[in-house]
Protein backbone atom coordinates (compact mmCIF):
# COMPACT_ATOMS: atom_id res chain seq x y z
CA GLY A 1 -66.31 -15.20 45.95
CA LEU A 2 -69.16 -15.11 43.46
CA GLY A 3 -68.84 -18.70 42.31
CA GLU A 4 -67.29 -17.51 39.06
CA ASP A 5 -64.57 -20.16 39.24
CA GLY A 6 -66.91 -23.02 40.07
CA SER A 7 -67.73 -25.85 37.71
CA SER A 8 -71.46 -25.13 37.91
CA GLY A 9 -73.92 -22.55 39.14
CA ALA A 10 -75.56 -19.39 37.83
CA ASP A 11 -72.34 -17.38 38.08
CA ALA A 12 -69.93 -20.04 36.85
CA LEU A 13 -67.80 -18.47 34.11
CA GLU A 14 -67.38 -20.95 31.28
CA MET A 15 -64.39 -20.22 29.05
CA THR A 16 -64.15 -22.15 25.77
CA PRO A 17 -61.79 -20.26 23.45
CA ASP A 18 -60.32 -21.39 20.16
CA CYS A 19 -56.61 -20.85 19.46
CA ALA A 20 -56.78 -17.17 18.50
CA ASP A 21 -59.11 -16.36 21.43
CA ASN A 22 -57.08 -18.19 24.06
CA PRO A 23 -54.47 -15.48 24.78
CA HIS A 24 -57.21 -12.86 24.94
CA PHE A 25 -59.30 -14.99 27.31
CA LEU A 26 -56.33 -15.48 29.64
CA ARG A 27 -55.44 -11.79 29.53
CA ALA A 28 -59.04 -10.66 29.99
CA TYR A 29 -59.55 -13.00 32.97
CA PHE A 30 -56.35 -11.76 34.65
CA ALA A 31 -57.29 -8.11 34.03
CA TRP A 32 -60.84 -8.68 35.28
CA LYS A 33 -59.64 -10.23 38.54
CA LEU A 34 -57.21 -7.39 39.23
CA GLY A 35 -59.38 -4.53 37.96
CA LEU A 36 -56.96 -3.67 35.13
CA PRO A 37 -57.88 -2.20 31.74
CA PHE A 38 -58.14 -4.59 28.82
CA GLY A 39 -59.40 -4.50 25.27
CA PHE A 40 -59.08 -5.96 21.80
CA HIS A 41 -59.33 -4.65 18.26
CA GLU A 42 -61.73 -5.45 15.48
CA THR A 43 -59.16 -6.57 12.92
CA SER A 44 -59.28 -7.30 9.20
CA TRP A 45 -58.18 -10.64 7.79
CA GLY A 46 -55.51 -9.24 5.49
CA THR A 47 -54.15 -10.54 2.17
CA LEU A 48 -50.77 -11.55 0.75
CA GLU A 49 -50.30 -7.92 -0.29
CA SER A 50 -51.66 -6.25 2.84
CA PRO A 51 -51.34 -7.54 6.44
CA PRO A 52 -54.32 -7.58 8.79
CA ALA A 53 -55.08 -4.10 10.13
CA ALA A 54 -56.51 -3.15 13.52
CA GLY A 55 -59.73 -1.18 13.59
CA ARG A 56 -62.00 -0.19 16.48
CA LEU A 57 -60.77 -0.86 20.02
CA VAL A 58 -63.31 -2.70 22.20
CA LEU A 59 -62.68 -2.17 25.92
CA ALA A 60 -63.90 -4.29 28.80
CA GLY A 61 -66.22 -2.63 31.29
CA SER A 62 -64.85 -1.11 34.47
CA ARG A 63 -64.61 -3.08 37.69
CA ARG A 64 -67.85 -3.60 39.59
CA SER A 65 -68.77 -0.95 42.14
CA ALA A 66 -70.50 -1.74 45.41
CA GLY A 67 -74.21 -2.33 45.02
CA GLN A 68 -74.15 -3.04 41.27
CA GLY A 69 -74.60 -6.80 41.60
CA SER A 70 -72.56 -9.59 40.13
CA PRO A 71 -70.09 -8.62 37.37
CA VAL A 72 -70.10 -12.16 35.95
CA PRO A 73 -72.82 -11.64 33.30
CA ALA A 74 -70.98 -8.61 31.94
CA MET A 75 -67.72 -10.57 31.80
CA ARG A 76 -69.52 -13.43 30.08
CA ARG A 77 -70.82 -11.01 27.43
CA PHE A 78 -67.36 -9.53 26.95
CA LEU A 79 -65.79 -12.98 26.44
CA ASN A 80 -68.50 -13.75 23.90
CA SER A 81 -67.52 -10.55 22.08
CA VAL A 82 -63.90 -11.72 22.09
CA LYS A 83 -64.92 -15.11 20.75
CA ASN A 84 -67.08 -13.60 18.00
CA THR A 85 -64.55 -10.95 16.95
CA VAL A 86 -60.94 -12.01 17.57
CA HIS A 87 -59.39 -14.23 14.90
CA ALA A 88 -55.96 -15.26 13.62
CA GLY A 89 -55.47 -11.88 11.97
CA ASN A 90 -55.21 -10.17 15.38
CA GLY A 91 -51.91 -11.95 15.92
CA ARG A 92 -50.47 -11.29 12.47
CA THR A 93 -50.76 -7.52 12.15
CA ALA A 94 -47.64 -5.80 10.78
CA LEU A 95 -44.74 -5.70 13.22
CA ARG A 96 -44.33 -1.95 12.73
CA ALA A 97 -48.04 -1.17 13.06
CA GLU A 98 -49.33 1.00 15.89
CA GLY A 99 -52.58 0.60 17.80
CA THR A 100 -52.66 -3.19 17.57
CA ASP A 101 -53.38 -5.91 20.13
CA TYR A 102 -49.75 -7.08 20.09
CA TYR A 103 -46.26 -5.73 19.53
CA PRO A 104 -43.19 -7.78 18.45
CA LEU A 105 -40.45 -8.98 20.79
CA PRO A 106 -36.75 -9.78 20.53
CA LEU A 107 -35.74 -13.45 20.57
CA SER A 108 -34.35 -13.54 24.11
CA ARG A 109 -35.14 -15.46 27.29
CA GLN A 110 -35.84 -12.21 29.11
CA ALA A 111 -38.42 -11.09 26.55
CA LEU A 112 -40.16 -14.43 25.95
CA LYS A 113 -41.82 -14.70 29.34
CA PRO A 114 -44.84 -16.83 30.23
CA GLY A 115 -47.81 -15.04 28.74
CA THR A 116 -45.95 -14.23 25.52
CA VAL A 117 -47.98 -15.06 22.41
CA PHE A 118 -46.71 -16.88 19.32
CA ALA A 119 -48.75 -16.28 16.17
CA ASP A 120 -47.78 -18.63 13.38
CA PRO A 121 -48.11 -17.66 9.68
CA TYR A 122 -51.00 -20.03 9.00
CA GLY A 123 -53.44 -19.07 11.73
CA HIS A 124 -52.50 -20.98 14.87
CA THR A 125 -51.62 -19.31 18.19
CA TYR A 126 -49.76 -20.40 21.33
CA THR A 127 -49.24 -18.81 24.73
CA ILE A 128 -45.91 -19.50 26.43
CA VAL A 129 -46.47 -21.15 29.80
CA ARG A 130 -43.07 -22.40 30.96
CA TRP A 131 -39.35 -22.70 30.27
CA ILE A 132 -37.59 -25.87 31.46
CA GLY A 133 -33.84 -25.51 31.71
CA GLN A 134 -31.40 -27.73 29.89
CA GLY A 135 -29.91 -30.59 31.94
CA ARG A 136 -26.62 -32.42 31.57
CA LYS A 137 -28.30 -35.22 29.63
CA SER A 138 -31.69 -33.72 28.85
CA PRO A 139 -32.59 -30.95 26.41
CA GLY A 140 -34.31 -27.76 27.52
CA LEU A 141 -37.97 -27.20 26.77
CA LEU A 142 -40.16 -24.26 25.91
CA LEU A 143 -43.83 -25.06 26.50
CA GLY A 144 -46.84 -23.32 25.01
CA ALA A 145 -50.59 -23.73 25.51
CA ASP A 146 -53.01 -23.81 22.61
CA ALA A 147 -56.75 -24.22 22.24
CA GLN A 148 -58.76 -26.02 19.59
CA PRO A 149 -62.24 -25.36 18.15
CA ASP A 150 -63.53 -28.50 19.88
CA GLY A 151 -62.86 -26.89 23.27
CA THR A 152 -59.72 -28.82 24.17
CA ILE A 153 -56.65 -27.04 25.52
CA GLY A 154 -53.21 -28.64 25.40
CA VAL A 155 -49.59 -27.89 26.17
CA LYS A 156 -47.00 -28.52 23.46
CA ARG A 157 -43.26 -28.08 23.38
CA PHE A 158 -41.48 -25.78 20.97
CA TRP A 159 -40.15 -27.41 17.83
CA LYS A 160 -40.62 -26.62 14.18
CA GLY A 161 -43.38 -29.21 13.78
CA ASN A 162 -45.57 -27.29 16.25
CA PHE A 163 -44.38 -23.68 16.13
CA LEU A 164 -44.43 -22.96 12.40
CA PHE A 165 -42.52 -19.92 11.19
CA THR A 166 -41.88 -18.35 7.82
CA THR A 167 -42.09 -14.80 6.50
CA GLU A 168 -42.39 -15.73 2.82
CA GLU A 169 -45.71 -15.70 0.96
CA VAL A 170 -47.87 -15.49 4.07
CA VAL A 171 -50.70 -13.21 5.19
CA GLY A 172 -49.39 -10.76 7.77
CA GLU A 173 -46.32 -10.93 9.96
CA PRO A 174 -46.03 -13.81 12.45
CA GLY A 175 -43.79 -14.39 15.46
CA PHE A 176 -43.49 -13.92 19.19
CA LYS A 177 -45.45 -10.94 20.47
CA ALA A 178 -46.68 -9.37 23.71
CA PHE A 179 -49.94 -7.62 24.49
CA ARG A 180 -49.68 -3.90 23.90
CA PRO A 181 -49.88 -2.11 27.28
CA ILE A 182 -52.94 -0.03 28.08
CA VAL A 183 -52.35 2.83 30.49
CA LEU A 184 -54.88 5.03 32.27
CA GLU A 185 -54.42 8.77 31.91
CA ALA A 186 -56.92 10.93 33.82
CA GLY A 187 -59.06 7.81 34.09
CA ARG A 188 -59.09 7.20 30.33
CA PRO A 189 -57.35 4.19 28.73
CA ARG A 190 -54.65 4.71 26.09
CA LEU A 191 -52.46 2.27 24.17
CA LEU A 192 -48.71 2.77 24.34
CA SER A 193 -46.98 3.43 21.02
CA ASN A 194 -44.08 1.33 19.76
CA ARG A 195 -41.67 4.14 20.59
CA GLU A 196 -43.06 4.47 24.12
CA ILE A 197 -42.73 0.72 24.69
CA ALA A 198 -39.13 0.74 23.43
CA ALA A 199 -38.22 3.67 25.71
CA SER A 200 -40.11 2.41 28.77
CA PRO A 201 -38.01 1.19 31.74
CA GLU A 202 -40.87 -1.18 32.56
CA TYR A 203 -41.06 -2.74 29.09
CA GLY A 204 -38.25 -1.71 26.73
CA ASP A 205 -38.66 -4.82 24.61
CA PHE A 206 -40.15 -3.63 21.32
CA SER A 207 -38.08 -5.25 18.56
CA LEU A 208 -38.13 -5.82 14.81
CA ALA A 209 -35.69 -8.73 15.05
CA GLN A 210 -38.25 -11.13 13.55
CA GLU A 211 -39.07 -8.91 10.56
CA LYS A 212 -38.36 -10.77 7.29
CA LEU A 213 -36.38 -13.33 9.29
CA ALA A 214 -35.61 -16.56 7.45
CA GLY A 215 -37.13 -19.68 8.97
CA ASP A 216 -33.76 -21.40 9.44
CA ASP A 217 -32.41 -18.35 11.27
CA PHE A 218 -35.48 -18.22 13.49
CA TYR A 219 -35.17 -21.86 14.55
CA ALA A 220 -31.41 -21.54 15.06
CA ALA A 221 -31.94 -18.54 17.36
CA MET A 222 -34.60 -20.39 19.34
CA GLU A 223 -32.43 -23.50 19.67
CA LYS A 224 -29.70 -21.36 21.25
CA LEU A 225 -32.22 -20.05 23.78
CA ILE A 226 -33.67 -23.46 24.62
CA ASN A 227 -30.32 -25.30 24.64
CA PRO A 228 -27.54 -22.76 25.22
CA ASP A 229 -24.96 -25.55 25.65
CA PRO A 230 -24.24 -28.29 23.08
CA LEU A 231 -26.38 -31.35 23.71
CA ASP A 232 -24.87 -34.67 24.67
CA ALA A 233 -24.88 -36.79 21.48
CA GLU A 234 -27.18 -39.43 22.94
CA ALA A 235 -29.59 -36.80 24.30
CA ALA A 236 -29.62 -35.02 20.93
CA PHE A 237 -30.42 -38.28 19.13
CA GLU A 238 -33.24 -39.13 21.54
CA ALA A 239 -34.73 -35.64 21.19
CA ARG A 240 -34.66 -35.88 17.40
CA PHE A 241 -36.19 -39.37 17.55
CA ARG A 242 -39.04 -38.09 19.72
CA ASP A 243 -39.62 -35.23 17.27
CA ARG A 244 -39.98 -37.64 14.37
CA LYS A 245 -42.43 -39.81 16.31
CA ARG A 246 -44.51 -36.71 17.06
CA VAL A 247 -44.94 -35.69 13.44
CA GLY A 248 -48.66 -35.17 12.94
CA VAL A 249 -49.41 -34.48 16.63
CA GLY A 250 -51.11 -31.08 16.89
CA LYS A 251 -50.88 -30.63 13.13
CA ARG A 252 -53.61 -28.66 11.40
CA VAL A 253 -55.22 -30.10 8.29
């Protein structure tokens, strides 16, 4: 009710993330609206020998109290901090690392929910937005949103020309990941450890299934999730034909 979602006005909240920022912007906005804790890590870039490593945790301010005025300027400053700090390395920290923005997931429909993040090995990032089930004559689809430095945001479907994956000779460890939960204990925020996530009845989805996974095995596993039944021959041909026509769309140069 502050005009924060308007297209103009003093309290309009403009959000223009690039690809690495986009998941954090979405998560921060959701947390801000519901008064939930949220933060991100100052993270190194990493090298071929050493993956990016998380450093200091930067937490968003607490929810506005009565009489403190509009919280929009503070949120605007926080998003600027995200934009100036978060980069592709945040998504490619080691899968076994603790105290990171993300933790790795198994390759399953249950785990790869909307909001899941895909960090590719070369610096691009997607956020899953929707699964479309396979039809009798139409292939299934997995859709992900990405942002570009020019301010555009698009939705692309999963295929190897968009969602790049390899674990060989890359900086860090890519793959599908979820935001690490932040819990409040005695009013103070704390990140859950990998072991706590794995044992949690609410989460329980920490997995190293993508660790050192070959690209062909990754795409085969995803194809089984997207199209659990064999495709009709004509539908399979049309899907492959569309893929070939799309080569170059969304490609980074």
